[in-house]
Amino acid sequence: MNQYTLNQGLYLYPTPAGAYATVSTKEADRARQFLRNLLLQRQTPELTGEILAQLMKLDEDAKCLELLYHCQKLGWIQGLAEPLTYPDGAVEDIVPGFLGPLSEKGKVLLADQQGFYLATQGFPHEVAEELSALSAEIATVHERRSGLLLNNMGLGSHAWSVVDSFGNSQVGFWPLFIGNNRFVVAVSGIPHFNQPEFVSLVWALTIRYAA
């Protein structure tokens, strides 16, 4: 049996891959639930056995360390040398600053499940309104055909995209499941979700809508 030890003096924070894995599906396995609990914290917690047990809802140190190692192997968790604190301000004020880096073209919007956009960068108002409405319609179609996509074709992704003749995304619609809410990030061009701003976006939405 492998023996794991904790590095001292680190603070737990999801990687962009971990943040995406957590909110891109409604699935609630132990690893995703651990990251969701982590994203509910207003400050990155210190990496200790006691804090791990609280976040993972486990009462055995060995199981906590195994789950942490599993998340680390997946590239879903990182240890920071200094703690981060959730930014002050209303979510409506801080979210727009996280959107721009998520697209190669700097055109991104965040829409709610009713088809209204909450924040946008790069898209004119009229375009943002239409894309947000389209994102809600796509979500409805996806729910109707999810049996075909998942059960028959093995496609577990909820994201949809308009592609060019080479298969490159021109505009993509990427759902974020936060608590009982479904948001959509619409991105012009190739998405850059491997940015720290994506983790900040997911953190902000989790604190506001899932706490």
Protein backbone atom coordinates (compact mmCIF):
# COMPACT_ATOMS: atom_id res chain seq x y z
CA MET A 1 0.00 0.00 0.00
CA ASN A 2 1.36 3.41 -0.93
CA GLN A 3 2.12 5.85 1.86
CA TYR A 4 1.45 9.52 1.19
CA THR A 5 2.66 12.56 3.11
CA LEU A 6 1.55 16.17 2.92
CA ASN A 7 3.88 18.96 1.90
CA GLN A 8 3.83 21.66 4.52
CA GLY A 9 3.13 25.35 4.01
CA LEU A 10 0.93 25.05 0.90
CA TYR A 11 -2.57 26.34 0.19
CA LEU A 12 -5.14 24.36 -1.80
CA TYR A 13 -6.48 25.78 -5.06
CA PRO A 14 -8.00 24.16 -8.16
CA THR A 15 -6.10 24.23 -11.44
CA PRO A 16 -7.96 25.47 -14.55
CA ALA A 17 -8.44 21.80 -15.52
CA GLY A 18 -9.86 21.05 -12.09
CA ALA A 19 -12.22 24.02 -12.19
CA TYR A 20 -13.46 22.96 -15.63
CA ALA A 21 -13.93 19.32 -14.58
CA THR A 22 -15.94 20.49 -11.58
CA VAL A 23 -18.43 22.72 -13.40
CA SER A 24 -18.65 21.17 -16.87
CA THR A 25 -20.94 18.39 -15.65
CA LYS A 26 -23.58 17.72 -13.01
CA GLU A 27 -21.66 14.60 -12.00
CA ALA A 28 -20.88 14.53 -8.29
CA ASP A 29 -18.16 11.99 -7.60
CA ARG A 30 -15.90 12.44 -4.57
CA ALA A 31 -13.18 14.31 -6.45
CA ARG A 32 -15.57 16.86 -7.95
CA GLN A 33 -17.43 17.30 -4.67
CA PHE A 34 -14.11 17.97 -2.92
CA LEU A 35 -13.28 20.70 -5.45
CA ARG A 36 -16.77 22.18 -5.15
CA ASN A 37 -16.35 22.40 -1.39
CA LEU A 38 -12.93 23.97 -1.92
CA LEU A 39 -14.41 26.62 -4.22
CA LEU A 40 -16.89 27.58 -1.51
CA GLN A 41 -14.04 28.86 0.68
CA ARG A 42 -13.39 32.60 0.60
CA GLN A 43 -9.69 32.02 1.18
CA THR A 44 -7.55 29.19 -0.12
CA PRO A 45 -7.24 26.83 2.86
CA GLU A 46 -3.96 25.54 4.19
CA LEU A 47 -3.06 21.98 3.24
CA THR A 48 -3.50 20.06 6.49
CA GLY A 49 -5.02 16.69 7.32
CA GLU A 50 -7.81 18.26 9.35
CA ILE A 51 -8.82 20.67 6.57
CA LEU A 52 -8.71 17.89 3.97
CA ALA A 53 -11.06 15.80 6.08
CA GLN A 54 -13.49 18.70 6.34
CA LEU A 55 -13.45 19.46 2.61
CA MET A 56 -13.65 15.81 1.55
CA LYS A 57 -16.20 14.76 4.17
CA LEU A 58 -14.03 11.75 5.00
CA ASP A 59 -12.99 10.53 8.45
CA GLU A 60 -9.91 8.48 7.51
CA ASP A 61 -6.58 10.16 6.81
CA ALA A 62 -5.55 7.45 4.35
CA LYS A 63 -8.68 7.96 2.24
CA CYS A 64 -8.15 11.74 2.24
CA LEU A 65 -4.58 11.37 1.03
CA GLU A 66 -5.60 8.88 -1.64
CA LEU A 67 -8.26 11.24 -2.96
CA LEU A 68 -5.82 14.16 -2.91
CA TYR A 69 -3.27 12.10 -4.83
CA HIS A 70 -5.96 11.10 -7.33
CA CYS A 71 -6.83 14.77 -7.94
CA GLN A 72 -3.15 15.62 -8.24
CA LYS A 73 -2.60 12.89 -10.87
CA LEU A 74 -5.53 14.26 -12.86
CA GLY A 75 -4.00 17.75 -12.70
CA TRP A 76 -7.06 19.12 -10.90
CA ILE A 77 -5.44 20.55 -7.77
CA GLN A 78 -2.41 22.70 -7.01
CA GLY A 79 -0.59 23.92 -3.94
CA LEU A 80 0.11 27.65 -3.68
CA ALA A 81 2.97 29.10 -1.68
CA GLU A 82 0.80 32.05 -0.57
CA PRO A 83 -2.94 32.11 0.20
CA LEU A 84 -5.42 33.78 -2.15
CA THR A 85 -8.44 35.68 -0.89
CA TYR A 86 -11.72 35.97 -2.76
CA PRO A 87 -11.81 39.44 -4.37
CA ASP A 88 -13.97 42.12 -2.81
CA GLY A 89 -16.87 43.51 -4.81
CA ALA A 90 -20.14 42.38 -6.33
CA VAL A 91 -19.92 39.47 -8.74
CA GLU A 92 -21.36 41.70 -11.48
CA ASP A 93 -18.36 44.01 -11.07
CA ILE A 94 -15.55 41.45 -10.89
CA VAL A 95 -16.69 38.84 -13.45
CA PRO A 96 -16.19 40.94 -16.64
CA GLY A 97 -12.47 41.20 -15.92
CA PHE A 98 -12.14 37.41 -15.99
CA LEU A 99 -13.72 36.93 -19.42
CA GLY A 100 -11.33 38.51 -21.93
CA PRO A 101 -8.40 36.08 -21.46
CA LEU A 102 -10.70 33.10 -22.10
CA SER A 103 -10.78 33.70 -25.87
CA GLU A 104 -8.06 34.12 -28.48
CA LYS A 105 -10.17 36.93 -29.94
CA GLY A 106 -11.10 38.57 -26.64
CA LYS A 107 -14.81 38.01 -27.32
CA VAL A 108 -16.59 36.21 -24.48
CA LEU A 109 -19.91 36.45 -22.70
CA LEU A 110 -21.50 34.83 -19.67
CA ALA A 111 -25.20 33.98 -19.96
CA ASP A 112 -27.70 32.54 -17.48
CA GLN A 113 -30.06 29.64 -18.09
CA GLN A 114 -32.89 31.96 -19.12
CA GLY A 115 -30.82 33.28 -22.03
CA PHE A 116 -29.82 36.68 -20.62
CA TYR A 117 -26.19 37.73 -20.56
CA LEU A 118 -24.69 38.73 -17.23
CA ALA A 119 -21.36 40.04 -18.52
CA THR A 120 -19.56 40.40 -21.83
CA GLN A 121 -16.20 41.35 -23.27
CA GLY A 122 -15.75 42.20 -26.95
CA PHE A 123 -19.28 41.48 -28.16
CA PRO A 124 -21.61 44.39 -29.02
CA HIS A 125 -24.77 44.52 -26.92
CA GLU A 126 -27.07 43.29 -29.70
CA VAL A 127 -24.80 40.34 -30.54
CA ALA A 128 -24.46 39.42 -26.87
CA GLU A 129 -28.24 39.38 -26.49
CA GLU A 130 -28.72 37.09 -29.49
CA LEU A 131 -25.90 34.71 -28.49
CA SER A 132 -27.30 34.46 -24.98
CA ALA A 133 -30.76 33.59 -26.29
CA LEU A 134 -29.18 31.03 -28.64
CA SER A 135 -27.30 29.44 -25.72
CA ALA A 136 -30.61 28.79 -23.92
CA GLU A 137 -32.12 27.24 -27.06
CA ILE A 138 -29.08 25.00 -27.53
CA ALA A 139 -29.40 23.85 -23.91
CA THR A 140 -33.02 22.85 -24.55
CA VAL A 141 -32.05 20.84 -27.65
CA HIS A 142 -29.20 19.19 -25.76
CA GLU A 143 -31.51 18.07 -22.95
CA ARG A 144 -33.94 16.59 -25.46
CA ARG A 145 -31.20 14.66 -27.29
CA SER A 146 -28.88 13.86 -24.40
CA GLY A 147 -29.91 10.20 -24.51
CA LEU A 148 -28.67 9.87 -28.07
CA LEU A 149 -25.47 11.81 -27.44
CA LEU A 150 -24.48 10.06 -24.23
CA ASN A 151 -26.04 6.61 -24.36
CA ASN A 152 -25.84 5.88 -28.07
CA MET A 153 -22.72 7.82 -29.06
CA GLY A 154 -20.82 8.05 -25.78
CA LEU A 155 -20.56 11.85 -25.97
CA GLY A 156 -20.61 13.16 -22.40
CA SER A 157 -19.85 16.78 -23.18
CA HIS A 158 -22.57 19.44 -22.86
CA ALA A 159 -20.68 21.96 -25.03
CA TRP A 160 -21.77 22.90 -28.55
CA SER A 161 -19.90 24.79 -31.25
CA VAL A 162 -20.37 26.40 -34.66
CA VAL A 163 -17.40 25.24 -36.73
CA ASP A 164 -15.80 26.23 -40.02
CA SER A 165 -15.04 23.90 -42.93
CA PHE A 166 -11.90 22.66 -41.15
CA GLY A 167 -13.75 21.83 -37.94
CA ASN A 168 -12.37 24.81 -36.02
CA SER A 169 -14.72 26.48 -33.57
CA GLN A 170 -16.03 29.87 -34.68
CA VAL A 171 -18.18 30.31 -31.62
CA GLY A 172 -18.64 27.78 -28.83
CA PHE A 173 -21.14 27.46 -25.99
CA TRP A 174 -19.71 25.94 -22.82
CA PRO A 175 -22.06 25.26 -19.88
CA LEU A 176 -21.00 25.83 -16.29
CA PHE A 177 -23.08 23.98 -13.70
CA ILE A 178 -22.92 25.98 -10.46
CA GLY A 179 -25.13 24.68 -7.65
CA ASN A 180 -28.62 24.43 -9.15
CA ASN A 181 -27.79 26.96 -11.85
CA ARG A 182 -26.63 26.49 -15.42
CA PHE A 183 -24.53 29.26 -16.94
CA VAL A 184 -23.00 29.36 -20.40
CA VAL A 185 -19.71 30.87 -21.50
CA ALA A 186 -19.93 31.76 -25.20
CA VAL A 187 -16.49 32.13 -26.76
CA SER A 188 -15.53 33.46 -30.17
CA GLY A 189 -12.73 31.33 -31.62
CA ILE A 190 -10.65 28.84 -29.67
CA PRO A 191 -11.34 28.91 -25.91
CA HIS A 192 -8.44 29.49 -23.52
CA PHE A 193 -9.82 27.93 -20.38
CA ASN A 194 -6.32 27.00 -19.21
CA GLN A 195 -5.95 30.48 -17.70
CA PRO A 196 -6.03 31.47 -14.02
CA GLU A 197 -8.92 33.82 -14.85
CA PHE A 198 -11.08 30.76 -15.55
CA VAL A 199 -10.55 29.51 -12.00
CA SER A 200 -11.35 33.00 -10.71
CA LEU A 201 -14.58 33.03 -12.75
CA VAL A 202 -15.68 29.65 -11.40
CA TRP A 203 -14.73 30.69 -7.86
CA ALA A 204 -16.75 33.91 -8.11
CA LEU A 205 -19.84 32.14 -9.48
CA THR A 206 -19.61 29.37 -6.87
CA ILE A 207 -19.40 31.83 -3.98
CA ARG A 208 -22.34 33.84 -5.35
CA TYR A 209 -24.68 31.10 -6.54
CA ALA A 210 -23.79 27.88 -4.70
CA ALA A 211 -22.91 29.07 -1.20
